[in-house]
């Protein structure tokens, strides 16, 4: 993130954790951080926490020079959904929606929110203003897992998807999740994604509609991304352990080598990441939103300032990757 600093907007700018994270991000030259909201309220909150705002940019969304232009654009974009100009103006009073519009307009490179707002609110603002990435219809999430003393994945680095957003994806959605999670692995870990579509079956060892869903999703991914190393359906051990992978799925380009794990539903993904985090003492970064045209990341409302700082760094790297994709 420090090699190519990105502009990251924080729309929950009066929250003490946001202020502490912004202070650290600027002090460590991690990103150009913009606190969005009423400057007087932000200053009051900072003073209450004894946090200096020196060197941190503040922006009043209520006095932005392009505010009326963007309100009209938002109203036009959502006209088919029945949104009126007055309703658009009211919505854009919310720094969350205004921050997402700033990212859409290229004034900011990414946004971090969710310390105050719920995940549905963050996703709604992002979809309304930014929209989905071309070729992907599903907004999902992933977790970057860093497991100490682990020989699996990329030396203990794995990406789990989806573990936070889509409860029961169909095969098309599951394919979108796989493609987006592979992109996240490449962008954040800097390694080639090797994608395992997980199931309780390996290569037909069990027969069930849930297995069929994973098989169909795998075929969709292969058709959309023929250069991506992806295979399924695979059980967890066949995906990670080479000797088991060779025995259960001989000839697979993924079995025993996977670093990107795609779970068949949110039950499996959420349970897996929490067990990995606790039992293996892993670092878990997420849920990181993916599938949007531009980077926005959601936080848990129970997050701390360190979590926000890390997410600013991750969002910055995602912004670098998004720019690289557009320049290809």
Protein backbone atom coordinates (compact mmCIF):
# COMPACT_ATOMS: atom_id res chain seq x y z
CA UNK A 1 0.00 0.00 0.00
CA UNK A 2 2.84 2.38 0.86
CA UNK A 3 4.49 1.90 -2.55
CA UNK A 4 1.58 3.58 -4.34
CA UNK A 5 -0.63 5.44 -1.91
CA UNK A 6 -4.33 5.46 -2.72
CA UNK A 7 -7.10 7.86 -1.69
CA UNK A 8 -9.37 6.15 0.84
CA UNK A 9 -12.55 7.81 2.11
CA UNK A 10 -13.91 7.09 5.60
CA UNK A 11 -17.59 8.13 5.84
CA UNK A 12 -17.98 7.22 9.53
CA UNK A 13 -15.56 9.96 10.47
CA UNK A 14 -16.77 10.78 14.00
CA UNK A 15 -16.25 7.22 15.26
CA UNK A 16 -13.26 7.06 17.63
CA UNK A 17 -11.93 3.88 16.04
CA UNK A 18 -12.03 5.47 12.58
CA UNK A 19 -10.17 8.52 13.84
CA UNK A 20 -7.48 6.40 15.50
CA UNK A 21 -7.04 4.30 12.35
CA UNK A 22 -6.89 7.40 10.15
CA UNK A 23 -4.23 8.91 12.40
CA UNK A 24 -2.08 5.78 12.19
CA UNK A 25 -2.58 5.41 8.41
CA UNK A 26 -1.40 8.97 7.81
CA UNK A 27 1.47 8.70 10.31
CA UNK A 28 2.71 5.54 8.58
CA UNK A 29 2.26 7.02 5.09
CA UNK A 30 -0.10 4.16 4.21
CA UNK A 31 -2.76 6.08 2.27
CA UNK A 32 -4.27 9.48 1.60
CA UNK A 33 -7.14 9.32 4.09
CA UNK A 34 -10.19 11.57 3.78
CA UNK A 35 -12.62 11.94 6.70
CA UNK A 36 -16.05 12.65 5.21
CA UNK A 37 -18.68 14.59 7.15
CA UNK A 38 -19.27 17.76 9.12
CA UNK A 39 -15.78 19.10 9.95
CA UNK A 40 -16.95 20.65 13.23
CA UNK A 41 -18.38 17.32 14.39
CA UNK A 42 -15.22 15.47 13.31
CA UNK A 43 -13.00 17.94 15.16
CA UNK A 44 -15.15 17.67 18.30
CA UNK A 45 -14.94 13.86 18.21
CA UNK A 46 -11.17 13.98 17.70
CA UNK A 47 -10.70 16.39 20.59
CA UNK A 48 -12.76 14.14 22.85
CA UNK A 49 -10.36 11.28 22.06
CA UNK A 50 -7.26 13.50 22.15
CA UNK A 51 -6.46 12.58 18.53
CA UNK A 52 -4.63 15.10 16.36
CA UNK A 53 -6.08 15.72 12.90
CA UNK A 54 -2.91 17.32 11.57
CA UNK A 55 -2.19 16.10 8.04
CA UNK A 56 -5.56 14.29 7.76
CA UNK A 57 -7.91 15.63 5.10
CA UNK A 58 -11.50 16.43 6.02
CA UNK A 59 -14.28 16.99 3.51
CA UNK A 60 -17.78 18.33 4.10
CA UNK A 61 -20.07 16.34 1.78
CA UNK A 62 -22.81 18.91 2.38
CA UNK A 63 -20.70 21.61 0.71
CA UNK A 64 -19.08 19.57 -2.06
CA UNK A 65 -18.92 21.59 -5.33
CA UNK A 66 -20.35 18.71 -7.40
CA UNK A 67 -23.05 17.75 -4.92
CA UNK A 68 -26.07 18.82 -7.03
CA UNK A 69 -24.59 17.27 -10.17
CA UNK A 70 -24.10 13.95 -8.39
CA UNK A 71 -27.58 14.04 -6.84
CA UNK A 72 -29.06 14.46 -10.33
CA UNK A 73 -26.91 11.61 -11.65
CA UNK A 74 -27.99 9.32 -8.82
CA UNK A 75 -31.67 10.17 -9.38
CA UNK A 76 -31.31 9.44 -13.11
CA UNK A 77 -29.50 6.16 -12.44
CA UNK A 78 -32.24 4.94 -10.09
CA UNK A 79 -35.19 6.48 -11.94
CA UNK A 80 -36.34 3.08 -13.17
CA UNK A 81 -36.58 2.01 -9.51
CA UNK A 82 -38.87 4.95 -8.74
CA UNK A 83 -36.29 7.20 -7.07
CA UNK A 84 -37.19 10.91 -7.25
CA UNK A 85 -34.79 13.84 -7.20
CA UNK A 86 -35.90 14.78 -3.68
CA UNK A 87 -35.34 11.22 -2.48
CA UNK A 88 -31.89 11.20 -4.10
CA UNK A 89 -31.04 14.48 -2.35
CA UNK A 90 -32.13 13.02 0.99
CA UNK A 91 -30.09 9.84 0.46
CA UNK A 92 -26.98 11.80 -0.48
CA UNK A 93 -27.05 13.51 2.91
CA UNK A 94 -25.70 10.21 4.21
CA UNK A 95 -21.87 10.24 4.07
CA UNK A 96 -21.93 6.51 3.30
CA UNK A 97 -23.77 7.02 -0.01
CA UNK A 98 -21.84 10.20 -0.81
CA UNK A 99 -18.54 8.44 -0.15
CA UNK A 100 -19.50 5.62 -2.51
CA UNK A 101 -20.36 8.22 -5.17
CA UNK A 102 -16.93 9.80 -4.70
CA UNK A 103 -15.36 6.41 -5.46
CA UNK A 104 -17.61 5.99 -8.51
CA UNK A 105 -16.60 9.42 -9.78
CA UNK A 106 -12.89 8.69 -9.35
CA UNK A 107 -12.41 11.34 -6.68
CA UNK A 108 -11.55 8.57 -4.23
CA UNK A 109 -9.90 5.21 -4.97
CA UNK A 110 -11.73 3.20 -2.31
CA UNK A 111 -13.96 3.36 0.76
CA UNK A 112 -13.90 1.66 4.16
CA UNK A 113 -17.08 1.59 6.26
CA UNK A 114 -19.15 -0.67 8.50
CA UNK A 115 -17.92 0.28 11.97
CA UNK A 116 -21.26 2.08 12.39
CA UNK A 117 -23.32 1.00 9.36
CA UNK A 118 -24.62 -2.53 8.86
CA UNK A 119 -23.28 -4.75 6.06
CA UNK A 120 -26.56 -4.47 4.06
CA UNK A 121 -26.26 -0.65 4.20
CA UNK A 122 -22.66 -0.71 2.99
CA UNK A 123 -23.51 -3.09 0.15
CA UNK A 124 -26.61 -1.09 -0.80
CA UNK A 125 -24.65 2.17 -1.03
CA UNK A 126 -21.93 0.46 -3.05
CA UNK A 127 -24.32 -1.17 -5.51
CA UNK A 128 -26.39 1.99 -5.97
CA UNK A 129 -23.38 4.21 -6.65
CA UNK A 130 -20.63 1.93 -7.98
CA UNK A 131 -22.34 -1.20 -9.27
CA UNK A 132 -20.99 -4.69 -9.93
CA UNK A 133 -17.79 -5.49 -11.77
CA UNK A 134 -18.17 -6.24 -15.47
CA UNK A 135 -18.81 -9.95 -16.01
CA UNK A 136 -19.78 -10.52 -12.35
CA UNK A 137 -23.35 -10.14 -11.12
CA UNK A 138 -22.85 -11.23 -7.52
CA UNK A 139 -21.41 -9.13 -4.72
CA UNK A 140 -19.80 -11.50 -2.24
CA UNK A 141 -17.00 -11.55 0.30
CA UNK A 142 -13.77 -13.33 1.06
CA UNK A 143 -11.49 -13.78 4.04
CA UNK A 144 -7.72 -13.57 3.74
CA UNK A 145 -6.46 -16.25 6.15
CA UNK A 146 -2.85 -16.33 7.35
CA UNK A 147 -2.17 -19.57 9.21
CA UNK A 148 1.10 -19.81 11.18
CA UNK A 149 3.41 -22.81 10.64
CA UNK A 150 1.15 -24.14 7.90
CA UNK A 151 2.39 -25.99 4.79
CA UNK A 152 -0.91 -25.64 2.92
CA UNK A 153 -2.04 -22.98 0.50
CA UNK A 154 0.64 -20.41 -0.32
CA UNK A 155 2.83 -21.11 2.73
CA UNK A 156 -0.15 -20.76 5.04
CA UNK A 157 -1.88 -17.97 3.11
CA UNK A 158 -5.36 -18.93 1.90
CA UNK A 159 -8.42 -17.12 0.60
CA UNK A 160 -11.87 -18.29 1.73
CA UNK A 161 -14.99 -17.33 -0.22
CA UNK A 162 -17.81 -16.64 0.46
CA UNK A 163 -17.87 -16.52 4.24
CA UNK A 164 -19.87 -13.39 4.90
CA UNK A 165 -22.51 -12.27 2.37
CA UNK A 166 -24.39 -14.78 0.14
CA UNK A 167 -26.25 -17.39 2.26
CA UNK A 168 -27.14 -19.99 -0.36
CA UNK A 169 -25.63 -19.22 -3.78
CA UNK A 170 -26.92 -20.92 -6.90
CA UNK A 171 -24.42 -22.29 -9.42
CA UNK A 172 -24.11 -18.97 -11.29
CA UNK A 173 -23.55 -17.06 -8.05
CA UNK A 174 -21.08 -19.67 -6.84
CA UNK A 175 -19.14 -19.28 -10.10
CA UNK A 176 -19.07 -15.49 -9.61
CA UNK A 177 -17.80 -16.00 -6.06
CA UNK A 178 -15.01 -18.26 -7.33
CA UNK A 179 -13.88 -15.79 -10.00
CA UNK A 180 -13.97 -12.83 -7.60
CA UNK A 181 -12.14 -14.72 -4.85
CA UNK A 182 -9.43 -15.75 -7.31
CA UNK A 183 -8.97 -12.07 -8.22
CA UNK A 184 -8.74 -11.20 -4.52
CA UNK A 185 -6.08 -13.86 -3.97
CA UNK A 186 -3.96 -12.54 -6.83
CA UNK A 187 -4.37 -8.90 -5.78
CA UNK A 188 -3.79 -9.28 -2.04
CA UNK A 189 -1.37 -12.20 -1.76
CA UNK A 190 0.45 -11.67 -5.05
CA UNK A 191 0.33 -15.36 -5.99
CA UNK A 192 -1.41 -17.30 -8.72
CA UNK A 193 -4.82 -18.45 -7.46
CA UNK A 194 -5.37 -22.21 -7.42
CA UNK A 195 -9.10 -22.59 -6.84
CA UNK A 196 -10.83 -25.56 -5.22
CA UNK A 197 -14.62 -25.78 -5.43
CA UNK A 198 -15.34 -27.54 -2.15
CA UNK A 199 -17.95 -30.15 -1.36
CA UNK A 200 -18.46 -33.23 0.79
CA UNK A 201 -17.69 -35.21 -2.37
CA UNK A 202 -14.58 -35.60 -4.53
CA UNK A 203 -14.99 -36.46 -8.21
CA UNK A 204 -18.35 -38.17 -7.76
CA UNK A 205 -17.64 -40.02 -4.50
CA UNK A 206 -21.13 -38.94 -3.39
CA UNK A 207 -24.30 -38.20 -5.30
CA UNK A 208 -26.55 -35.33 -4.19
CA UNK A 209 -28.10 -32.12 -5.60
CA UNK A 210 -25.68 -30.12 -3.42
CA UNK A 211 -22.77 -31.84 -5.16
CA UNK A 212 -24.34 -31.19 -8.56
CA UNK A 213 -24.47 -27.46 -7.76
CA UNK A 214 -20.72 -27.38 -7.16
CA UNK A 215 -20.04 -29.37 -10.33
CA UNK A 216 -22.14 -27.00 -12.44
CA UNK A 217 -20.53 -23.95 -10.86
CA UNK A 218 -17.08 -25.38 -11.66
CA UNK A 219 -18.01 -25.81 -15.31
CA UNK A 220 -19.27 -22.22 -15.49
CA UNK A 221 -16.00 -20.91 -14.04
CA UNK A 222 -13.94 -22.96 -16.51
CA UNK A 223 -15.99 -21.61 -19.39
CA UNK A 224 -15.75 -17.97 -18.25
CA UNK A 225 -12.10 -18.13 -17.17
CA UNK A 226 -10.35 -20.88 -19.17
CA UNK A 227 -6.89 -19.80 -17.96
CA UNK A 228 -7.82 -20.06 -14.27
CA UNK A 229 -6.60 -23.11 -12.35
CA UNK A 230 -9.87 -24.37 -10.92
CA UNK A 231 -11.30 -27.80 -10.18
CA UNK A 232 -14.14 -29.45 -8.34
CA UNK A 233 -15.92 -30.93 -6.71
CA UNK A 234 -13.19 -31.54 -4.10
CA UNK A 235 -13.26 -32.36 -0.40
CA UNK A 236 -11.16 -30.19 1.88
CA UNK A 237 -8.40 -32.73 2.40
CA UNK A 238 -8.19 -33.52 -1.31
CA UNK A 239 -7.87 -29.81 -2.05
CA UNK A 240 -5.04 -29.17 0.42
CA UNK A 241 -3.01 -32.36 0.97
CA UNK A 242 -1.03 -33.55 -2.04
CA UNK A 243 -0.97 -37.28 -1.21
CA UNK A 244 -4.75 -37.34 -0.66
CA UNK A 245 -5.39 -35.18 -3.71
CA UNK A 246 -3.41 -37.53 -5.95
CA UNK A 247 -5.29 -40.52 -4.60
CA UNK A 248 -8.81 -39.04 -4.69
CA UNK A 249 -8.48 -36.82 -7.79
CA UNK A 250 -5.63 -38.11 -9.95
CA UNK A 251 -4.64 -35.71 -12.72
CA UNK A 252 -6.31 -32.70 -11.10
CA UNK A 253 -4.39 -29.42 -11.58
CA UNK A 254 -5.70 -28.22 -8.22
CA UNK A 255 -5.96 -31.18 -5.82
CA UNK A 256 -3.31 -30.97 -3.12
CA UNK A 257 -2.21 -27.50 -4.24
CA UNK A 258 -5.25 -25.24 -3.61
CA UNK A 259 -4.78 -21.82 -2.05
CA UNK A 260 -8.25 -20.41 -2.82
CA UNK A 261 -11.14 -22.31 -1.23
CA UNK A 262 -14.71 -21.80 -2.44
CA UNK A 263 -17.37 -23.01 -0.03
CA UNK A 264 -20.76 -24.21 -1.29
CA UNK A 265 -22.74 -21.94 1.03
CA UNK A 266 -22.41 -19.44 3.87
CA UNK A 267 -22.86 -22.08 6.55
CA UNK A 268 -19.71 -23.89 5.42
CA UNK A 269 -17.64 -20.77 4.73
CA UNK A 270 -18.46 -18.93 7.93
CA UNK A 271 -17.95 -21.98 10.14
CA UNK A 272 -14.66 -22.81 8.39
CA UNK A 273 -13.11 -19.36 8.76
CA UNK A 274 -14.05 -19.09 12.44
CA UNK A 275 -12.71 -22.57 13.21
CA UNK A 276 -9.49 -21.85 11.30
CA UNK A 277 -9.06 -18.55 13.14
CA UNK A 278 -9.57 -20.07 16.59
CA UNK A 279 -8.14 -23.60 16.32
CA UNK A 280 -5.16 -22.76 14.10
CA UNK A 281 -4.58 -19.32 15.68
CA UNK A 282 -4.86 -17.81 12.21
CA UNK A 283 -5.13 -14.15 11.29
CA UNK A 284 -8.46 -13.57 9.52
CA UNK A 285 -8.89 -10.40 7.45
CA UNK A 286 -12.45 -9.79 6.29
CA UNK A 287 -15.15 -9.99 5.29
CA UNK A 288 -13.67 -8.21 2.27
CA UNK A 289 -16.28 -7.23 -0.28
CA UNK A 290 -15.67 -8.39 -3.85
CA UNK A 291 -17.52 -8.29 -7.15
CA UNK A 292 -17.92 -4.49 -7.11
CA UNK A 293 -16.54 -2.41 -9.97
CA UNK A 294 -14.39 -0.44 -7.51
CA UNK A 295 -13.11 -1.28 -4.02
CA UNK A 296 -15.29 -0.83 -0.96
CA UNK A 297 -14.73 -2.83 2.20
CA UNK A 298 -17.08 -3.57 5.04
CA UNK A 299 -16.13 -3.81 8.70
CA UNK A 300 -17.64 -5.65 11.60
CA UNK A 301 -19.37 -3.25 13.97
CA UNK A 302 -17.27 -4.90 16.69
CA UNK A 303 -14.03 -3.95 14.93
CA UNK A 304 -11.16 -2.09 16.56
CA UNK A 305 -8.83 0.59 15.17
CA UNK A 306 -6.25 -2.03 14.14
CA UNK A 307 -8.89 -3.84 12.06
CA UNK A 308 -9.75 -0.58 10.30
CA UNK A 309 -6.07 0.23 9.68
CA UNK A 310 -5.55 -3.21 8.13
CA UNK A 311 -8.66 -2.78 5.99
CA UNK A 312 -7.43 0.60 4.73
CA UNK A 313 -4.23 -1.17 3.63
CA UNK A 314 -6.17 -3.99 1.94
CA UNK A 315 -8.52 -1.54 0.20
CA UNK A 316 -5.51 0.40 -1.09
CA UNK A 317 -3.97 -2.72 -2.61
CA UNK A 318 -7.33 -3.63 -4.16
CA UNK A 319 -7.51 -0.12 -5.64
CA UNK A 320 -4.08 -0.62 -7.19
CA UNK A 321 -5.27 -3.92 -8.70
CA UNK A 322 -8.49 -2.35 -10.02
CA UNK A 323 -6.47 0.34 -11.80
CA UNK A 324 -4.17 -2.30 -13.26
CA UNK A 325 -7.18 -4.28 -14.59
CA UNK A 326 -8.62 -1.18 -16.26
CA UNK A 327 -5.31 -0.34 -17.93
CA UNK A 328 -4.93 -3.78 -19.54
